[in-house]
Amino acid sequence: PLIEAARSGEEYVSPYPQPGQVTEAGSGEEAAFDFAWVDTGNSSTDICRRDVDNVTSYPGSAYCIAVEFHYSGMTNGERVREVWYLDGEVALDYPFVWEDDAEGCTITFLPNNGKTMPPGEYYLEMYAGEENLLIGASDPVTVESE
């Protein structure tokens, strides 16, 4: 089919799921909960290292911030969005395809391209499924001024 599409000048569409391609609508039962900010003190300009120690704020020298959370009801192949806020304004709206277990615990992070994080109050909202429903949100955390 690929060769035939090329010969006829038509676009080829694979019948097989591709990594990063939404293939499922979601369960409608997705949940994200028990958010905890984690230590990123060993991070550098090129890598965000995350330790399991919980923190209540980050120093102005932080290169990234990270939050651990539990999840359930997830479907491999569904659309998920992380919306990161800084002082109440959207700092990053990051859609992706869920490629993990239906339930468990994971860590996600917000880097700043090798620069220290701007000071202020951050929080994360998670959305999932075909309806793009809010499934959980972290408490706020502060990045201090240097």
N, C-alpha and C. Protein backbone atom coordinates (compact mmCIF):
# COMPACT_ATOMS: atom_id res chain seq x y z
N PRO A 1 0.80 -1.22 0.00
CA PRO A 1 0.00 0.00 0.00
C PRO A 1 0.84 1.28 0.00
N LEU A 2 1.98 1.25 0.66
CA LEU A 2 2.86 2.41 0.69
C LEU A 2 3.37 2.73 -0.71
N ILE A 3 3.83 1.72 -1.41
CA ILE A 3 4.38 1.92 -2.76
C ILE A 3 3.27 2.37 -3.72
N GLU A 4 2.10 1.78 -3.61
CA GLU A 4 0.98 2.17 -4.46
C GLU A 4 0.58 3.62 -4.22
N ALA A 5 0.57 4.03 -2.98
CA ALA A 5 0.25 5.42 -2.67
C ALA A 5 1.28 6.36 -3.27
N ALA A 6 2.54 6.00 -3.18
CA ALA A 6 3.61 6.82 -3.77
C ALA A 6 3.47 6.90 -5.28
N ARG A 7 3.18 5.79 -5.92
CA ARG A 7 3.02 5.76 -7.38
C ARG A 7 1.85 6.63 -7.84
N SER A 8 0.77 6.61 -7.06
CA SER A 8 -0.42 7.37 -7.47
C SER A 8 -0.39 8.81 -6.97
N GLY A 9 0.62 9.17 -6.19
CA GLY A 9 0.73 10.54 -5.67
C GLY A 9 -0.20 10.82 -4.50
N GLU A 10 -0.77 9.76 -3.91
CA GLU A 10 -1.65 9.93 -2.77
C GLU A 10 -0.87 9.85 -1.46
N GLU A 11 -1.42 10.46 -0.43
CA GLU A 11 -0.79 10.38 0.88
C GLU A 11 -1.05 8.99 1.46
N TYR A 12 -0.01 8.37 2.00
CA TYR A 12 -0.14 7.06 2.65
C TYR A 12 -0.47 7.26 4.12
N VAL A 13 -1.47 6.56 4.59
CA VAL A 13 -1.84 6.58 6.01
C VAL A 13 -1.68 5.17 6.53
N SER A 14 -0.78 5.01 7.48
CA SER A 14 -0.51 3.69 8.05
C SER A 14 -1.71 3.19 8.86
N PRO A 15 -2.04 1.91 8.75
CA PRO A 15 -3.11 1.37 9.59
C PRO A 15 -2.63 1.04 11.00
N TYR A 16 -1.35 1.22 11.27
CA TYR A 16 -0.77 0.89 12.56
C TYR A 16 -0.58 2.16 13.39
N PRO A 17 -0.87 2.09 14.69
CA PRO A 17 -0.67 3.28 15.54
C PRO A 17 0.79 3.71 15.53
N GLN A 18 1.00 5.00 15.51
CA GLN A 18 2.34 5.58 15.55
C GLN A 18 2.60 6.13 16.94
N PRO A 19 3.82 6.08 17.44
CA PRO A 19 4.11 6.71 18.74
C PRO A 19 3.71 8.18 18.71
N GLY A 20 3.05 8.62 19.76
CA GLY A 20 2.63 10.00 19.83
C GLY A 20 1.33 10.29 19.10
N GLN A 21 0.68 9.27 18.57
CA GLN A 21 -0.58 9.45 17.84
C GLN A 21 -1.75 9.03 18.73
N VAL A 22 -2.75 9.91 18.87
CA VAL A 22 -3.92 9.58 19.67
C VAL A 22 -4.67 8.45 18.99
N THR A 23 -4.89 7.35 19.73
CA THR A 23 -5.59 6.19 19.18
C THR A 23 -6.80 5.79 20.01
N GLU A 24 -6.96 6.38 21.20
CA GLU A 24 -8.04 6.02 22.10
C GLU A 24 -8.74 7.27 22.62
N ALA A 25 -10.03 7.15 22.89
CA ALA A 25 -10.80 8.28 23.42
C ALA A 25 -10.58 8.48 24.91
N GLY A 26 -10.18 7.45 25.62
CA GLY A 26 -10.02 7.54 27.06
C GLY A 26 -11.16 6.83 27.76
N SER A 27 -11.00 6.58 29.03
CA SER A 27 -11.98 5.80 29.80
C SER A 27 -13.13 6.65 30.33
N GLY A 28 -12.91 7.95 30.44
CA GLY A 28 -13.89 8.81 31.08
C GLY A 28 -13.80 8.75 32.59
N GLU A 29 -12.89 7.92 33.11
CA GLU A 29 -12.70 7.76 34.56
C GLU A 29 -11.31 8.19 35.00
N GLU A 30 -10.62 8.98 34.18
CA GLU A 30 -9.25 9.39 34.49
C GLU A 30 -9.22 10.27 35.75
N ALA A 31 -8.16 10.09 36.53
CA ALA A 31 -7.97 10.91 37.72
C ALA A 31 -6.48 11.07 37.99
N ALA A 32 -6.09 12.26 38.42
CA ALA A 32 -4.73 12.54 38.87
C ALA A 32 -4.86 13.13 40.27
N PHE A 33 -4.06 12.63 41.22
CA PHE A 33 -4.25 13.01 42.63
C PHE A 33 -2.96 12.83 43.42
N ASP A 34 -2.98 13.28 44.65
CA ASP A 34 -1.83 13.19 45.56
C ASP A 34 -0.58 13.83 44.94
N PHE A 35 -0.72 15.05 44.46
CA PHE A 35 0.41 15.78 43.87
C PHE A 35 1.39 16.17 44.98
N ALA A 36 2.68 16.02 44.73
CA ALA A 36 3.72 16.42 45.68
C ALA A 36 4.91 16.97 44.90
N TRP A 37 5.32 18.18 45.22
CA TRP A 37 6.48 18.79 44.57
C TRP A 37 7.74 18.08 45.06
N VAL A 38 8.66 17.80 44.15
CA VAL A 38 9.86 17.04 44.49
C VAL A 38 11.12 17.87 44.27
N ASP A 39 12.16 17.49 44.96
CA ASP A 39 13.44 18.19 44.95
C ASP A 39 14.13 18.08 43.59
N THR A 40 14.52 19.23 43.02
CA THR A 40 15.29 19.25 41.78
C THR A 40 16.65 19.92 41.99
N GLY A 41 17.11 19.94 43.24
CA GLY A 41 18.34 20.64 43.59
C GLY A 41 19.59 20.13 42.91
N ASN A 42 19.60 18.91 42.41
CA ASN A 42 20.78 18.37 41.72
C ASN A 42 20.71 18.55 40.21
N SER A 43 19.77 19.35 39.73
CA SER A 43 19.62 19.58 38.29
C SER A 43 20.74 20.48 37.78
N SER A 44 20.95 20.41 36.47
CA SER A 44 21.94 21.26 35.82
C SER A 44 21.28 21.96 34.64
N THR A 45 22.06 22.70 33.88
CA THR A 45 21.51 23.42 32.74
C THR A 45 20.99 22.50 31.66
N ASP A 46 21.42 21.23 31.64
CA ASP A 46 21.00 20.33 30.56
C ASP A 46 20.17 19.13 31.00
N ILE A 47 19.96 18.94 32.31
CA ILE A 47 19.16 17.80 32.77
C ILE A 47 18.41 18.14 34.05
N CYS A 48 17.15 17.73 34.09
CA CYS A 48 16.33 17.95 35.29
C CYS A 48 16.35 16.67 36.12
N ARG A 49 17.15 16.66 37.18
CA ARG A 49 17.21 15.51 38.08
C ARG A 49 16.16 15.69 39.16
N ARG A 50 15.41 14.63 39.42
CA ARG A 50 14.33 14.70 40.39
C ARG A 50 14.55 13.69 41.48
N ASP A 51 14.57 14.16 42.71
CA ASP A 51 14.68 13.28 43.87
C ASP A 51 13.30 13.15 44.50
N VAL A 52 13.11 12.09 45.27
CA VAL A 52 11.79 11.85 45.86
C VAL A 52 11.49 12.72 47.07
N ASP A 53 12.46 13.45 47.57
CA ASP A 53 12.22 14.32 48.73
C ASP A 53 11.24 15.44 48.34
N ASN A 54 10.18 15.57 49.11
CA ASN A 54 9.20 16.62 48.84
C ASN A 54 9.73 17.98 49.28
N VAL A 55 9.32 19.02 48.56
CA VAL A 55 9.72 20.38 48.88
C VAL A 55 8.47 21.24 48.98
N THR A 56 8.59 22.37 49.66
CA THR A 56 7.48 23.32 49.76
C THR A 56 7.76 24.59 48.96
N SER A 57 9.01 24.78 48.54
CA SER A 57 9.38 25.89 47.66
C SER A 57 10.70 25.54 46.99
N TYR A 58 11.04 26.29 45.94
CA TYR A 58 12.30 26.09 45.21
C TYR A 58 13.14 27.35 45.33
N PRO A 59 14.46 27.19 45.39
CA PRO A 59 15.33 28.36 45.41
C PRO A 59 15.36 29.03 44.04
N GLY A 60 15.77 30.27 43.99
CA GLY A 60 15.89 30.99 42.73
C GLY A 60 16.90 30.38 41.78
N SER A 61 17.73 29.48 42.28
CA SER A 61 18.75 28.82 41.44
C SER A 61 18.22 27.56 40.75
N ALA A 62 16.92 27.24 40.90
CA ALA A 62 16.36 26.02 40.32
C ALA A 62 16.28 26.12 38.80
N TYR A 63 16.74 25.06 38.12
CA TYR A 63 16.67 25.00 36.66
C TYR A 63 15.36 24.38 36.17
N CYS A 64 14.65 23.72 37.06
CA CYS A 64 13.36 23.12 36.71
C CYS A 64 12.61 22.86 38.00
N ILE A 65 11.32 22.63 37.85
CA ILE A 65 10.51 22.19 38.99
C ILE A 65 9.84 20.89 38.58
N ALA A 66 9.50 20.05 39.56
CA ALA A 66 8.94 18.74 39.24
C ALA A 66 7.89 18.37 40.27
N VAL A 67 6.88 17.65 39.80
CA VAL A 67 5.80 17.23 40.68
C VAL A 67 5.49 15.75 40.43
N GLU A 68 5.34 15.03 41.54
CA GLU A 68 4.96 13.62 41.49
C GLU A 68 3.45 13.54 41.71
N PHE A 69 2.78 12.61 41.02
CA PHE A 69 1.36 12.42 41.26
C PHE A 69 0.97 10.98 40.97
N HIS A 70 -0.14 10.57 41.57
CA HIS A 70 -0.73 9.27 41.30
C HIS A 70 -1.82 9.46 40.26
N TYR A 71 -2.10 8.41 39.52
CA TYR A 71 -3.13 8.48 38.49
C TYR A 71 -3.88 7.15 38.41
N SER A 72 -5.10 7.22 37.86
CA SER A 72 -5.90 6.02 37.64
C SER A 72 -6.84 6.26 36.47
N GLY A 73 -7.37 5.18 35.92
CA GLY A 73 -8.34 5.27 34.84
C GLY A 73 -7.78 5.70 33.50
N MET A 74 -6.47 5.72 33.36
CA MET A 74 -5.83 6.18 32.13
C MET A 74 -5.88 5.08 31.06
N THR A 75 -5.87 5.50 29.80
CA THR A 75 -5.89 4.58 28.67
C THR A 75 -4.69 4.86 27.78
N ASN A 76 -3.89 3.83 27.54
CA ASN A 76 -2.74 3.97 26.66
C ASN A 76 -3.24 4.42 25.29
N GLY A 77 -2.71 5.53 24.78
CA GLY A 77 -3.11 6.05 23.48
C GLY A 77 -4.07 7.22 23.54
N GLU A 78 -4.48 7.65 24.75
CA GLU A 78 -5.40 8.78 24.85
C GLU A 78 -4.64 10.10 24.93
N ARG A 79 -5.35 11.18 24.63
CA ARG A 79 -4.78 12.53 24.69
C ARG A 79 -4.76 13.01 26.13
N VAL A 80 -3.63 13.60 26.53
CA VAL A 80 -3.45 14.18 27.86
C VAL A 80 -2.82 15.55 27.67
N ARG A 81 -3.16 16.47 28.57
CA ARG A 81 -2.56 17.81 28.54
C ARG A 81 -2.07 18.18 29.93
N GLU A 82 -0.88 18.75 29.98
CA GLU A 82 -0.37 19.40 31.18
C GLU A 82 -0.46 20.90 30.91
N VAL A 83 -1.10 21.63 31.81
CA VAL A 83 -1.12 23.08 31.70
C VAL A 83 -0.43 23.63 32.95
N TRP A 84 0.73 24.23 32.73
CA TRP A 84 1.54 24.80 33.80
C TRP A 84 1.23 26.29 33.90
N TYR A 85 1.07 26.77 35.12
CA TYR A 85 0.76 28.17 35.37
C TYR A 85 1.87 28.82 36.18
N LEU A 86 2.15 30.08 35.86
CA LEU A 86 3.06 30.92 36.63
C LEU A 86 2.29 32.19 36.98
N ASP A 87 2.12 32.44 38.26
CA ASP A 87 1.38 33.60 38.76
C ASP A 87 0.01 33.73 38.09
N GLY A 88 -0.67 32.59 37.92
CA GLY A 88 -2.02 32.58 37.39
C GLY A 88 -2.14 32.64 35.88
N GLU A 89 -1.03 32.79 35.17
CA GLU A 89 -1.02 32.85 33.71
C GLU A 89 -0.44 31.55 33.15
N VAL A 90 -0.94 31.10 32.01
CA VAL A 90 -0.42 29.88 31.39
C VAL A 90 1.04 30.08 31.01
N ALA A 91 1.91 29.24 31.55
CA ALA A 91 3.33 29.26 31.22
C ALA A 91 3.64 28.24 30.12
N LEU A 92 2.91 27.11 30.14
CA LEU A 92 3.11 26.07 29.13
C LEU A 92 1.84 25.23 29.03
N ASP A 93 1.38 25.01 27.81
CA ASP A 93 0.25 24.12 27.54
C ASP A 93 0.83 22.99 26.70
N TYR A 94 0.96 21.80 27.32
CA TYR A 94 1.70 20.70 26.70
C TYR A 94 0.79 19.48 26.49
N PRO A 95 0.27 19.29 25.26
CA PRO A 95 -0.51 18.08 24.97
C PRO A 95 0.42 16.93 24.58
N PHE A 96 0.04 15.72 24.94
CA PHE A 96 0.81 14.54 24.54
C PHE A 96 -0.09 13.32 24.59
N VAL A 97 0.42 12.20 24.13
CA VAL A 97 -0.33 10.95 24.12
C VAL A 97 0.15 10.11 25.30
N TRP A 98 -0.80 9.62 26.08
CA TRP A 98 -0.47 8.79 27.24
C TRP A 98 0.08 7.46 26.76
N GLU A 99 1.27 7.10 27.23
CA GLU A 99 1.91 5.84 26.86
C GLU A 99 2.44 5.17 28.12
N ASP A 100 1.54 4.95 29.08
CA ASP A 100 1.93 4.38 30.36
C ASP A 100 0.79 3.48 30.85
N ASP A 101 0.92 3.01 32.07
CA ASP A 101 -0.08 2.11 32.66
C ASP A 101 -1.40 2.83 32.93
N ALA A 102 -2.42 2.06 33.24
CA ALA A 102 -3.74 2.60 33.57
C ALA A 102 -3.73 3.29 34.93
N GLU A 103 -2.90 2.81 35.84
CA GLU A 103 -2.80 3.44 37.16
C GLU A 103 -1.38 3.32 37.66
N GLY A 104 -1.02 4.23 38.53
CA GLY A 104 0.33 4.21 39.09
C GLY A 104 0.73 5.57 39.61
N CYS A 105 2.03 5.81 39.56
CA CYS A 105 2.61 7.05 40.05
C CYS A 105 3.69 7.48 39.07
N THR A 106 3.78 8.77 38.81
CA THR A 106 4.80 9.27 37.89
C THR A 106 5.25 10.66 38.32
N ILE A 107 6.28 11.15 37.69
CA ILE A 107 6.78 12.50 37.93
C ILE A 107 6.83 13.22 36.60
N THR A 108 6.40 14.46 36.59
CA THR A 108 6.54 15.31 35.41
C THR A 108 7.26 16.59 35.84
N PHE A 109 7.84 17.29 34.89
CA PHE A 109 8.64 18.45 35.26
C PHE A 109 8.46 19.58 34.26
N LEU A 110 8.80 20.78 34.70
CA LEU A 110 8.80 21.98 33.87
C LEU A 110 10.21 22.53 33.85
N PRO A 111 10.89 22.45 32.71
CA PRO A 111 12.24 23.02 32.59
C PRO A 111 12.15 24.47 32.09
N ASN A 112 13.29 25.13 32.05
CA ASN A 112 13.35 26.49 31.52
C ASN A 112 14.53 26.64 30.56
N ASN A 113 14.70 25.68 29.67
CA ASN A 113 15.71 25.74 28.61
C ASN A 113 17.11 26.05 29.12
N GLY A 114 17.50 25.41 30.22
CA GLY A 114 18.85 25.58 30.74
C GLY A 114 19.06 26.87 31.52
N LYS A 115 18.00 27.60 31.80
CA LYS A 115 18.09 28.82 32.59
C LYS A 115 17.36 28.59 33.91
N THR A 116 17.64 29.43 34.89
CA THR A 116 16.92 29.29 36.15
C THR A 116 15.45 29.67 35.95
N MET A 117 14.61 29.08 36.78
CA MET A 117 13.17 29.32 36.68
C MET A 117 12.84 30.75 37.10
N PRO A 118 11.93 31.40 36.39
CA PRO A 118 11.49 32.73 36.85
C PRO A 118 10.82 32.61 38.22
N PRO A 119 11.04 33.56 39.11
CA PRO A 119 10.40 33.49 40.41
C PRO A 119 8.89 33.67 40.29
N GLY A 120 8.16 33.10 41.23
CA GLY A 120 6.72 33.24 41.26
C GLY A 120 6.04 31.99 41.76
N GLU A 121 4.73 31.98 41.65
CA GLU A 121 3.93 30.85 42.12
C GLU A 121 3.49 30.00 40.93
N TYR A 122 3.80 28.69 40.99
CA TYR A 122 3.49 27.74 39.93
C TYR A 122 2.46 26.73 40.40
N TYR A 123 1.68 26.21 39.47
CA TYR A 123 0.87 25.03 39.72
C TYR A 123 0.60 24.34 38.39
N LEU A 124 0.14 23.11 38.48
CA LEU A 124 -0.09 22.27 37.31
C LEU A 124 -1.53 21.77 37.30
N GLU A 125 -2.17 21.82 36.13
CA GLU A 125 -3.46 21.18 35.92
C GLU A 125 -3.29 20.09 34.88
N MET A 126 -3.95 18.95 35.10
CA MET A 126 -3.89 17.82 34.17
C MET A 126 -5.28 17.62 33.56
N TYR A 127 -5.31 17.41 32.24
CA TYR A 127 -6.54 17.16 31.49
C TYR A 127 -6.36 15.87 30.71
N ALA A 128 -7.48 15.17 30.42
CA ALA A 128 -7.35 13.92 29.68
C ALA A 128 -8.63 13.59 28.93
N GLY A 129 -8.45 12.70 27.95
CA GLY A 129 -9.57 12.13 27.21
C GLY A 129 -10.05 12.97 26.06
N GLU A 130 -10.96 12.40 25.34
CA GLU A 130 -11.53 13.04 24.17
C GLU A 130 -12.22 14.35 24.52
N GLU A 131 -12.80 14.41 25.72
CA GLU A 131 -13.50 15.61 26.17
C GLU A 131 -12.58 16.64 26.81
N ASN A 132 -11.30 16.30 26.97
CA ASN A 132 -10.31 17.21 27.54
C ASN A 132 -10.75 17.73 28.91
N LEU A 133 -11.14 16.79 29.78
CA LEU A 133 -11.65 17.14 31.10
C LEU A 133 -10.51 17.29 32.12
N LEU A 134 -10.68 18.24 33.03
CA LEU A 134 -9.73 18.42 34.13
C LEU A 134 -9.78 17.17 35.00
N ILE A 135 -8.62 16.53 35.21
CA ILE A 135 -8.57 15.30 36.02
C ILE A 135 -7.82 15.49 37.32
N GLY A 136 -7.16 16.63 37.52
CA GLY A 136 -6.46 16.88 38.77
C GLY A 136 -5.59 18.12 38.67
N ALA A 137 -5.22 18.65 39.83
CA ALA A 137 -4.38 19.84 39.88
C ALA A 137 -3.52 19.79 41.14
N SER A 138 -2.33 20.34 41.01
CA SER A 138 -1.42 20.41 42.15
C SER A 138 -1.76 21.63 43.00
N ASP A 139 -1.26 21.62 44.22
CA ASP A 139 -1.24 22.83 45.02
C ASP A 139 -0.16 23.74 44.43
N PRO A 140 -0.21 25.03 44.71
CA PRO A 140 0.85 25.90 44.21
C PRO A 140 2.17 25.68 44.93
N VAL A 141 3.24 26.04 44.24
CA VAL A 141 4.58 26.01 44.82
C VAL A 141 5.28 27.31 44.38
N THR A 142 6.18 27.80 45.21
CA THR A 142 6.86 29.06 44.91
C THR A 142 8.30 28.81 44.51
N VAL A 143 8.74 29.52 43.47
CA VAL A 143 10.17 29.63 43.16
C VAL A 143 10.58 30.99 43.69
N GLU A 144 11.52 30.99 44.63
CA GLU A 144 11.97 32.22 45.29
C GLU A 144 12.83 33.06 44.34
N SER A 145 12.95 34.35 44.65
CA SER A 145 13.87 35.23 43.93
C SER A 145 15.29 34.87 44.33
N GLU A 146 16.24 35.09 43.45
CA GLU A 146 17.64 34.78 43.78
C GLU A 146 18.19 35.76 44.77
